[in-house]
Protein backbone atom coordinates (compact mmCIF):
# COMPACT_ATOMS: atom_id res chain seq x y z
CA MET A 1 -48.43 68.04 19.10
CA ILE A 2 -45.04 68.01 20.81
CA VAL A 3 -41.68 69.04 19.32
CA ARG A 4 -38.56 67.34 20.65
CA LEU A 5 -35.34 69.31 20.17
CA TRP A 6 -31.87 67.86 20.72
CA HIS A 7 -28.61 69.79 20.30
CA GLY A 8 -25.05 68.60 19.85
CA LYS A 9 -21.69 69.96 18.71
CA THR A 10 -19.10 68.27 16.54
CA SER A 11 -15.95 69.41 14.81
CA THR A 12 -16.64 70.88 11.39
CA GLU A 13 -14.22 68.28 10.03
CA ASN A 14 -16.58 65.50 11.26
CA ALA A 15 -19.88 67.25 10.50
CA GLU A 16 -20.71 65.46 7.24
CA ALA A 17 -19.88 62.02 8.63
CA TYR A 18 -21.89 62.72 11.77
CA MET A 19 -24.86 63.96 9.76
CA ASN A 20 -24.87 60.65 7.86
CA TYR A 21 -24.63 58.76 11.15
CA ILE A 22 -27.59 60.67 12.63
CA MET A 23 -29.72 59.91 9.59
CA GLN A 24 -28.97 56.17 9.93
CA THR A 25 -29.59 56.04 13.69
CA GLY A 26 -31.70 58.69 15.42
CA VAL A 27 -33.76 59.92 12.47
CA LYS A 28 -34.38 56.37 11.28
CA ASP A 29 -35.57 55.43 14.79
CA TYR A 30 -37.74 58.55 15.09
CA ARG A 31 -39.56 57.72 11.87
CA ALA A 32 -40.01 54.06 12.82
CA THR A 33 -41.71 54.96 16.12
CA PRO A 34 -45.52 55.10 16.08
CA GLY A 35 -46.64 58.65 16.80
CA ASN A 36 -43.72 60.35 15.08
CA LEU A 37 -45.01 62.86 12.55
CA ASN A 38 -41.74 64.09 11.05
CA ALA A 39 -38.06 64.68 11.78
CA GLN A 40 -35.39 67.02 10.47
CA VAL A 41 -31.73 67.66 11.17
CA TRP A 42 -30.46 71.24 11.21
CA GLN A 43 -26.87 72.38 11.32
CA LYS A 44 -24.93 75.61 11.62
CA GLN A 45 -21.20 75.96 11.15
CA GLU A 46 -19.29 78.31 13.44
CA GLY A 47 -15.64 78.02 12.46
CA ASP A 48 -14.19 74.73 13.67
CA ILE A 49 -17.45 73.74 15.41
CA THR A 50 -20.70 72.67 13.78
CA HIS A 51 -23.91 72.75 15.83
CA ILE A 52 -26.48 70.11 15.03
CA TRP A 53 -30.11 69.98 16.10
CA THR A 54 -32.55 67.15 15.60
CA VAL A 55 -36.10 68.42 15.48
CA SER A 56 -38.90 65.88 15.65
CA TRP A 57 -42.65 66.23 15.82
CA TRP A 58 -44.75 63.83 17.87
CA VAL A 59 -48.43 63.15 18.50
CA ASN A 60 -47.99 63.22 22.29
CA ILE A 61 -45.62 62.52 25.18
CA GLU A 62 -46.53 58.82 25.14
CA SER A 63 -45.17 58.49 21.60
CA ILE A 64 -41.95 60.21 22.68
CA ARG A 65 -41.65 57.74 25.57
CA ALA A 66 -41.98 54.91 23.03
CA PHE A 67 -38.84 56.31 21.37
CA ALA A 68 -36.83 57.63 24.33
CA GLY A 69 -38.00 55.53 27.27
CA LYS A 70 -39.57 56.43 30.60
CA ASP A 71 -37.11 59.30 31.25
CA TYR A 72 -38.02 60.97 27.95
CA GLU A 73 -36.35 64.29 28.82
CA LYS A 74 -32.96 62.58 28.89
CA ALA A 75 -31.03 62.68 25.61
CA LYS A 76 -30.80 59.35 23.79
CA TYR A 77 -27.34 58.56 22.46
CA TYR A 78 -26.09 55.86 20.14
CA LYS A 79 -22.94 53.73 20.20
CA GLU A 80 -20.71 56.01 18.10
CA ASP A 81 -21.98 59.42 19.26
CA LYS A 82 -18.95 59.77 21.56
CA LYS A 83 -16.72 59.39 18.50
CA TYR A 84 -18.19 62.55 16.95
CA LEU A 85 -19.60 64.79 19.67
CA LEU A 86 -17.55 67.30 21.64
CA GLU A 87 -19.82 66.75 24.67
CA LEU A 88 -22.92 64.73 25.51
CA GLU A 89 -25.63 67.14 26.57
CA PRO A 90 -27.75 65.34 29.17
CA THR A 91 -31.23 66.54 28.24
CA VAL A 92 -33.45 67.55 25.35
CA GLN A 93 -36.16 70.19 25.12
CA HIS A 94 -39.87 69.62 24.48
CA TYR A 95 -42.31 72.25 23.25
CA GLU A 96 -46.02 72.28 22.54
CA CYS A 97 -46.53 72.98 18.87
CA PHE A 98 -49.64 74.65 17.48
CA GLY A 99 -49.90 74.19 13.75
CA GLU A 100 -49.81 71.36 11.31
CA ILE A 101 -47.20 69.26 9.57
CA ARG A 102 -47.69 69.11 5.82
């Protein structure tokens, strides 16, 4: 199993709106992709900045490619991400996961 981890930063003022946007775009697309096992969004507020991570679990790299495309290590952004994010980080992280999703 592979875990895909994306990180972004938004203003704390926009954090709630961006969280809703992520749920309607990225998380919805994760869950609609064959081979996705689960997805969560984590956040941590640090003053005026809120860090957001999407964490998704996948059967294998091929299922991640079905979501992200051939260059699966490149971050996938949506139309309005630039409206919320303080920067567009170019890549995501992938980790082998040993355990089970319940």
